[in-house]
Amino acid sequence: MAAELVALAHRAPDGRRGWLIEEINGKKAIEEPSSQFLLHSGFTSTAMGLQLRVPRRPLKLQGEPPIDDDPQSDAD
């Protein structure tokens, strides 16, 4: 679930590319044992809860080839 939340954030349009989870099962997010999966996947603990920040995509100029966001594609 944690990895899918991160993947969703990366696929979302700019302006909707992060998550803030304040509570899990009625507890502060960081107090829930499952929060460790979120932290391991890239969330950070903040005063407001567990937060995932996703950087903005680089601006693509008209006529430019698409940017390959998959670092694994260079591993061949």
PDB file of N, CA and C in Angstrom:
ATOM      1  N   MET A   1       0.819  -1.183   0.000  1.00  0.00           N
ATOM      2  CA  MET A   1       0.000   0.000   0.000  1.00  0.00           C
ATOM      3  C   MET A   1       0.869   1.255   0.000  1.00  0.00           C
ATOM      4  N   ALA A   2       1.918   1.277   0.802  1.00  0.00           N
ATOM      5  CA  ALA A   2       2.783   2.451   0.880  1.00  0.00           C
ATOM      6  C   ALA A   2       3.443   2.738  -0.464  1.00  0.00           C
ATOM      7  N   ALA A   3       3.942   1.710  -1.118  1.00  0.00           N
ATOM      8  CA  ALA A   3       4.587   1.889  -2.419  1.00  0.00           C
ATOM      9  C   ALA A   3       3.584   2.391  -3.457  1.00  0.00           C
ATOM     10  N   GLU A   4       2.346   1.939  -3.392  1.00  0.00           N
ATOM     11  CA  GLU A   4       1.330   2.395  -4.344  1.00  0.00           C
ATOM     12  C   GLU A   4       0.969   3.855  -4.103  1.00  0.00           C
ATOM     13  N   LEU A   5       0.925   4.306  -2.857  1.00  0.00           N
ATOM     14  CA  LEU A   5       0.670   5.717  -2.576  1.00  0.00           C
ATOM     15  C   LEU A   5       1.755   6.594  -3.181  1.00  0.00           C
ATOM     16  N   VAL A   6       3.003   6.160  -3.060  1.00  0.00           N
ATOM     17  CA  VAL A   6       4.125   6.908  -3.644  1.00  0.00           C
ATOM     18  C   VAL A   6       3.994   6.925  -5.165  1.00  0.00           C
ATOM     19  N   ALA A   7       3.678   5.789  -5.762  1.00  0.00           N
ATOM     20  CA  ALA A   7       3.528   5.714  -7.220  1.00  0.00           C
ATOM     21  C   ALA A   7       2.387   6.613  -7.690  1.00  0.00           C
ATOM     22  N   LEU A   8       1.271   6.636  -6.974  1.00  0.00           N
ATOM     23  CA  LEU A   8       0.154   7.512  -7.327  1.00  0.00           C
ATOM     24  C   LEU A   8       0.572   8.977  -7.294  1.00  0.00           C
ATOM     25  N   ALA A   9       1.312   9.349  -6.282  1.00  0.00           N
ATOM     26  CA  ALA A   9       1.768  10.738  -6.166  1.00  0.00           C
ATOM     27  C   ALA A   9       2.668  11.121  -7.336  1.00  0.00           C
ATOM     28  N   HIS A  10       3.513  10.205  -7.766  1.00  0.00           N
ATOM     29  CA  HIS A  10       4.415  10.492  -8.884  1.00  0.00           C
ATOM     30  C   HIS A  10       3.666  10.594 -10.208  1.00  0.00           C
ATOM     31  N   ARG A  11       2.555   9.896 -10.341  1.00  0.00           N
ATOM     32  CA  ARG A  11       1.772   9.932 -11.583  1.00  0.00           C
ATOM     33  C   ARG A  11       0.780  11.086 -11.619  1.00  0.00           C
ATOM     34  N   ALA A  12       0.481  11.680 -10.488  1.00  0.00           N
ATOM     35  CA  ALA A  12      -0.542  12.721 -10.411  1.00  0.00           C
ATOM     36  C   ALA A  12      -0.100  13.989 -11.130  1.00  0.00           C
ATOM     37  N   PRO A  13      -1.070  14.793 -11.583  1.00  0.00           N
ATOM     38  CA  PRO A  13      -0.707  16.054 -12.227  1.00  0.00           C
ATOM     39  C   PRO A  13      -0.053  17.003 -11.220  1.00  0.00           C
ATOM     40  N   ASP A  14       0.773  17.924 -11.737  1.00  0.00           N
ATOM     41  CA  ASP A  14       1.387  18.919 -10.848  1.00  0.00           C
ATOM     42  C   ASP A  14       0.304  19.621 -10.048  1.00  0.00           C
ATOM     43  N   GLY A  15       0.622  19.980  -8.828  1.00  0.00           N
ATOM     44  CA  GLY A  15      -0.344  20.606  -7.941  1.00  0.00           C
ATOM     45  C   GLY A  15      -1.082  19.605  -7.066  1.00  0.00           C
ATOM     46  N   ARG A  16      -1.003  18.325  -7.410  1.00  0.00           N
ATOM     47  CA  ARG A  16      -1.671  17.266  -6.633  1.00  0.00           C
ATOM     48  C   ARG A  16      -0.703  16.109  -6.431  1.00  0.00           C
ATOM     49  N   ARG A  17       0.540  16.426  -6.155  1.00  0.00           N
ATOM     50  CA  ARG A  17       1.571  15.400  -6.176  1.00  0.00           C
ATOM     51  C   ARG A  17       2.175  15.125  -4.799  1.00  0.00           C
ATOM     52  N   GLY A  18       1.426  15.109  -3.775  1.00  0.00           N
ATOM     53  CA  GLY A  18       1.954  14.789  -2.459  1.00  0.00           C
ATOM     54  C   GLY A  18       0.849  14.258  -1.568  1.00  0.00           C
ATOM     55  N   TRP A  19       1.249  13.802  -0.410  1.00  0.00           N
ATOM     56  CA  TRP A  19       0.294  13.249   0.546  1.00  0.00           C
ATOM     57  C   TRP A  19       0.634  13.755   1.939  1.00  0.00           C
ATOM     58  N   LEU A  20      -0.386  14.007   2.717  1.00  0.00           N
ATOM     59  CA  LEU A  20      -0.240  14.272   4.141  1.00  0.00           C
ATOM     60  C   LEU A  20      -1.218  13.349   4.850  1.00  0.00           C
ATOM     61  N   ILE A  21      -0.692  12.468   5.668  1.00  0.00           N
ATOM     62  CA  ILE A  21      -1.530  11.535   6.430  1.00  0.00           C
ATOM     63  C   ILE A  21      -1.437  11.938   7.897  1.00  0.00           C
ATOM     64  N   GLU A  22      -2.533  12.419   8.439  1.00  0.00           N
ATOM     65  CA  GLU A  22      -2.554  12.887   9.818  1.00  0.00           C
ATOM     66  C   GLU A  22      -2.862  11.762  10.799  1.00  0.00           C
ATOM     67  N   GLU A  23      -3.796  10.870  10.420  1.00  0.00           N
ATOM     68  CA  GLU A  23      -4.216   9.795  11.315  1.00  0.00           C
ATOM     69  C   GLU A  23      -4.301   8.471  10.566  1.00  0.00           C
ATOM     70  N   ILE A  24      -4.029   7.412  11.295  1.00  0.00           N
ATOM     71  CA  ILE A  24      -4.238   6.047  10.806  1.00  0.00           C
ATOM     72  C   ILE A  24      -4.963   5.304  11.919  1.00  0.00           C
ATOM     73  N   ASN A  25      -6.122   4.782  11.608  1.00  0.00           N
ATOM     74  CA  ASN A  25      -6.924   4.036  12.590  1.00  0.00           C
ATOM     75  C   ASN A  25      -7.196   4.837  13.858  1.00  0.00           C
ATOM     76  N   GLY A  26      -7.439   6.144  13.694  1.00  0.00           N
ATOM     77  CA  GLY A  26      -7.800   6.989  14.829  1.00  0.00           C
ATOM     78  C   GLY A  26      -6.641   7.447  15.693  1.00  0.00           C
ATOM     79  N   LYS A  27      -5.407   7.098  15.341  1.00  0.00           N
ATOM     80  CA  LYS A  27      -4.223   7.519  16.100  1.00  0.00           C
ATOM     81  C   LYS A  27      -3.409   8.481  15.251  1.00  0.00           C
ATOM     82  N   LYS A  28      -2.535   9.253  15.897  1.00  0.00           N
ATOM     83  CA  LYS A  28      -1.582  10.036  15.126  1.00  0.00           C
ATOM     84  C   LYS A  28      -0.852   9.062  14.211  1.00  0.00           C
ATOM     85  N   ALA A  29      -0.634   9.459  12.976  1.00  0.00           N
ATOM     86  CA  ALA A  29      -0.069   8.546  11.976  1.00  0.00           C
ATOM     87  C   ALA A  29       1.232   7.905  12.445  1.00  0.00           C
ATOM     88  N   ILE A  30       2.104   8.668  13.055  1.00  0.00           N
ATOM     89  CA  ILE A  30       3.410   8.143  13.460  1.00  0.00           C
ATOM     90  C   ILE A  30       3.295   7.102  14.579  1.00  0.00           C
ATOM     91  N   GLU A  31       2.196   7.119  15.329  1.00  0.00           N
ATOM     92  CA  GLU A  31       2.004   6.177  16.434  1.00  0.00           C
ATOM     93  C   GLU A  31       1.510   4.812  15.960  1.00  0.00           C
ATOM     94  N   GLU A  32       1.030   4.727  14.740  1.00  0.00           N
ATOM     95  CA  GLU A  32       0.521   3.465  14.194  1.00  0.00           C
ATOM     96  C   GLU A  32       1.704   2.636  13.677  1.00  0.00           C
ATOM     97  N   PRO A  33       1.826   1.379  14.079  1.00  0.00           N
ATOM     98  CA  PRO A  33       2.953   0.554  13.622  1.00  0.00           C
ATOM     99  C   PRO A  33       3.106   0.497  12.100  1.00  0.00           C
ATOM    100  N   SER A  34       2.000   0.572  11.370  1.00  0.00           N
ATOM    101  CA  SER A  34       2.095   0.512   9.906  1.00  0.00           C
ATOM    102  C   SER A  34       2.769   1.745   9.311  1.00  0.00           C
ATOM    103  N   SER A  35       2.957   2.791  10.107  1.00  0.00           N
ATOM    104  CA  SER A  35       3.621   3.999   9.597  1.00  0.00           C
ATOM    105  C   SER A  35       5.052   3.708   9.163  1.00  0.00           C
ATOM    106  N   GLN A  36       5.643   2.666   9.690  1.00  0.00           N
ATOM    107  CA  GLN A  36       7.023   2.325   9.313  1.00  0.00           C
ATOM    108  C   GLN A  36       7.126   1.985   7.827  1.00  0.00           C
ATOM    109  N   PHE A  37       6.066   1.393   7.270  1.00  0.00           N
ATOM    110  CA  PHE A  37       6.057   1.093   5.834  1.00  0.00           C
ATOM    111  C   PHE A  37       6.039   2.391   5.018  1.00  0.00           C
ATOM    112  N   LEU A  38       5.277   3.369   5.487  1.00  0.00           N
ATOM    113  CA  LEU A  38       5.222   4.661   4.805  1.00  0.00           C
ATOM    114  C   LEU A  38       6.569   5.372   4.884  1.00  0.00           C
ATOM    115  N   LEU A  39       7.178   5.359   6.047  1.00  0.00           N
ATOM    116  CA  LEU A  39       8.486   5.997   6.210  1.00  0.00           C
ATOM    117  C   LEU A  39       9.527   5.334   5.315  1.00  0.00           C
ATOM    118  N   HIS A  40       9.495   4.036   5.241  1.00  0.00           N
ATOM    119  CA  HIS A  40      10.441   3.293   4.398  1.00  0.00           C
ATOM    120  C   HIS A  40      10.230   3.605   2.913  1.00  0.00           C
ATOM    121  N   SER A  41       9.009   3.960   2.534  1.00  0.00           N
ATOM    122  CA  SER A  41       8.690   4.232   1.129  1.00  0.00           C
ATOM    123  C   SER A  41       8.943   5.676   0.713  1.00  0.00           C
ATOM    124  N   GLY A  42       9.310   6.536   1.661  1.00  0.00           N
ATOM    125  CA  GLY A  42       9.646   7.912   1.286  1.00  0.00           C
ATOM    126  C   GLY A  42       8.897   9.004   2.023  1.00  0.00           C
ATOM    127  N   PHE A  43       7.942   8.643   2.873  1.00  0.00           N
ATOM    128  CA  PHE A  43       7.259   9.643   3.680  1.00  0.00           C
ATOM    129  C   PHE A  43       8.203  10.128   4.769  1.00  0.00           C
ATOM    130  N   THR A  44       7.978  11.347   5.257  1.00  0.00           N
ATOM    131  CA  THR A  44       8.743  11.860   6.387  1.00  0.00           C
ATOM    132  C   THR A  44       7.772  12.236   7.500  1.00  0.00           C
ATOM    133  N   SER A  45       8.262  12.182   8.712  1.00  0.00           N
ATOM    134  CA  SER A  45       7.458  12.545   9.863  1.00  0.00           C
ATOM    135  C   SER A  45       7.562  14.057  10.061  1.00  0.00           C
ATOM    136  N   THR A  46       6.408  14.738  10.100  1.00  0.00           N
ATOM    137  CA  THR A  46       6.365  16.176  10.336  1.00  0.00           C
ATOM    138  C   THR A  46       5.441  16.444  11.513  1.00  0.00           C
ATOM    139  N   ALA A  47       5.375  17.685  11.931  1.00  0.00           N
ATOM    140  CA  ALA A  47       4.500  18.053  13.045  1.00  0.00           C
ATOM    141  C   ALA A  47       3.029  17.801  12.717  1.00  0.00           C
ATOM    142  N   MET A  48       2.686  17.834  11.429  1.00  0.00           N
ATOM    143  CA  MET A  48       1.286  17.648  11.027  1.00  0.00           C
ATOM    144  C   MET A  48       0.944  16.193  10.740  1.00  0.00           C
ATOM    145  N   GLY A  49       1.939  15.343  10.574  1.00  0.00           N
ATOM    146  CA  GLY A  49       1.695  13.938  10.264  1.00  0.00           C
ATOM    147  C   GLY A  49       2.786  13.392   9.363  1.00  0.00           C
ATOM    148  N   LEU A  50       2.456  12.365   8.614  1.00  0.00           N
ATOM    149  CA  LEU A  50       3.412  11.781   7.672  1.00  0.00           C
ATOM    150  C   LEU A  50       3.201  12.451   6.319  1.00  0.00           C
ATOM    151  N   GLN A  51       4.284  12.977   5.771  1.00  0.00           N
ATOM    152  CA  GLN A  51       4.160  13.740   4.542  1.00  0.00           C
ATOM    153  C   GLN A  51       5.062  13.171   3.455  1.00  0.00           C
ATOM    154  N   LEU A  52       4.518  13.134   2.249  1.00  0.00           N
ATOM    155  CA  LEU A  52       5.280  12.757   1.070  1.00  0.00           C
ATOM    156  C   LEU A  52       5.301  13.955   0.148  1.00  0.00           C
ATOM    157  N   ARG A  53       6.497  14.427  -0.153  1.00  0.00           N
ATOM    158  CA  ARG A  53       6.650  15.534  -1.096  1.00  0.00           C
ATOM    159  C   ARG A  53       7.235  14.977  -2.379  1.00  0.00           C
ATOM    160  N   VAL A  54       6.615  15.312  -3.478  1.00  0.00           N
ATOM    161  CA  VAL A  54       7.084  14.860  -4.786  1.00  0.00           C
ATOM    162  C   VAL A  54       7.510  16.096  -5.564  1.00  0.00           C
ATOM    163  N   PRO A  55       8.731  16.122  -6.067  1.00  0.00           N
ATOM    164  CA  PRO A  55       9.179  17.311  -6.795  1.00  0.00           C
ATOM    165  C   PRO A  55       8.365  17.533  -8.062  1.00  0.00           C
ATOM    166  N   ARG A  56       8.306  18.788  -8.476  1.00  0.00           N
ATOM    167  CA  ARG A  56       7.609  19.125  -9.723  1.00  0.00           C
ATOM    168  C   ARG A  56       8.349  18.532 -10.895  1.00  0.00           C
ATOM    169  N   ARG A  57       7.612  18.223 -11.926  1.00  0.00           N
ATOM    170  CA  ARG A  57       8.228  17.722 -13.149  1.00  0.00           C
ATOM    171  C   ARG A  57       8.920  18.878 -13.862  1.00  0.00           C
ATOM    172  N   PRO A  58      10.020  18.603 -14.554  1.00  0.00           N
ATOM    173  CA  PRO A  58      10.668  19.674 -15.311  1.00  0.00           C
ATOM    174  C   PRO A  58       9.745  20.167 -16.428  1.00  0.00           C
ATOM    175  N   LEU A  59       9.853  21.430 -16.728  1.00  0.00           N
ATOM    176  CA  LEU A  59       9.051  22.022 -17.793  1.00  0.00           C
ATOM    177  C   LEU A  59       9.494  21.446 -19.131  1.00  0.00           C
ATOM    178  N   LYS A  60       8.540  20.983 -19.916  1.00  0.00           N
ATOM    179  CA  LYS A  60       8.838  20.422 -21.236  1.00  0.00           C
ATOM    180  C   LYS A  60       8.481  21.461 -22.274  1.00  0.00           C
ATOM    181  N   LEU A  61       9.456  21.841 -23.080  1.00  0.00           N
ATOM    182  CA  LEU A  61       9.217  22.810 -24.141  1.00  0.00           C
ATOM    183  C   LEU A  61       8.583  22.126 -25.344  1.00  0.00           C
ATOM    184  N   GLN A  62       7.788  22.867 -26.090  1.00  0.00           N
ATOM    185  CA  GLN A  62       7.106  22.323 -27.252  1.00  0.00           C
ATOM    186  C   GLN A  62       8.140  21.786 -28.242  1.00  0.00           C
ATOM    187  N   GLY A  63       7.910  20.569 -28.726  1.00  0.00           N
ATOM    188  CA  GLY A  63       8.811  19.940 -29.685  1.00  0.00           C
ATOM    189  C   GLY A  63       9.939  19.144 -29.058  1.00  0.00           C
ATOM    190  N   GLU A  64      10.113  19.261 -27.729  1.00  0.00           N
ATOM    191  CA  GLU A  64      11.151  18.496 -27.036  1.00  0.00           C
ATOM    192  C   GLU A  64      10.724  17.043 -26.907  1.00  0.00           C
ATOM    193  N   PRO A  65      11.673  16.106 -26.988  1.00  0.00           N
ATOM    194  CA  PRO A  65      11.301  14.706 -26.771  1.00  0.00           C
ATOM    195  C   PRO A  65      10.871  14.501 -25.315  1.00  0.00           C
ATOM    196  N   PRO A  66      10.040  13.502 -25.055  1.00  0.00           N
ATOM    197  CA  PRO A  66       9.599  13.237 -23.670  1.00  0.00           C
ATOM    198  C   PRO A  66      10.777  12.887 -22.773  1.00  0.00           C
ATOM    199  N   ILE A  67      10.647  13.249 -21.509  1.00  0.00           N
ATOM    200  CA  ILE A  67      11.674  12.942 -20.507  1.00  0.00           C
ATOM    201  C   ILE A  67      11.397  11.564 -19.953  1.00  0.00           C
ATOM    202  N   ASP A  68      12.417  10.727 -19.909  1.00  0.00           N
ATOM    203  CA  ASP A  68      12.270   9.389 -19.354  1.00  0.00           C
ATOM    204  C   ASP A  68      12.513   9.448 -17.854  1.00  0.00           C
ATOM    205  N   ASP A  69      11.434   9.303 -17.060  1.00  0.00           N
ATOM    206  CA  ASP A  69      11.534   9.378 -15.606  1.00  0.00           C
ATOM    207  C   ASP A  69      11.969   8.075 -14.977  1.00  0.00           C
ATOM    208  N   ASP A  70      12.196   7.030 -15.779  1.00  0.00           N
ATOM    209  CA  ASP A  70      12.510   5.710 -15.252  1.00  0.00           C
ATOM    210  C   ASP A  70      14.025   5.492 -15.255  1.00  0.00           C
ATOM    211  N   PRO A  71      14.694   5.628 -14.077  1.00  0.00           N
ATOM    212  CA  PRO A  71      16.140   5.438 -14.032  1.00  0.00           C
ATOM    213  C   PRO A  71      16.566   4.007 -14.377  1.00  0.00           C
ATOM    214  N   GLN A  72      15.644   3.042 -14.266  1.00  0.00           N
ATOM    215  CA  GLN A  72      15.978   1.652 -14.577  1.00  0.00           C
ATOM    216  C   GLN A  72      16.248   1.464 -16.061  1.00  0.00           C
ATOM    217  N   SER A  73      15.685   2.336 -16.900  1.00  0.00           N
ATOM    218  CA  SER A  73      15.853   2.159 -18.349  1.00  0.00           C
ATOM    219  C   SER A  73      17.291   2.393 -18.777  1.00  0.00           C
ATOM    220  N   ASP A  74      18.098   3.118 -17.980  1.00  0.00           N
ATOM    221  CA  ASP A  74      19.495   3.356 -18.301  1.00  0.00           C
ATOM    222  C   ASP A  74      20.407   2.214 -17.828  1.00  0.00           C
ATOM    223  N   ALA A  75      19.853   1.276 -17.070  1.00  0.00           N
ATOM    224  CA  ALA A  75      20.660   0.224 -16.449  1.00  0.00           C
ATOM    225  C   ALA A  75      21.054  -0.882 -17.427  1.00  0.00           C
ATOM    226  N   ASP A  76      20.528  -0.865 -18.656  1.00  0.00           N
ATOM    227  CA  ASP A  76      20.826  -1.934 -19.623  1.00  0.00           C
ATOM    228  C   ASP A  76      22.233  -1.937 -20.074  1.00  0.00           C
TER     229      ASP A  76
END
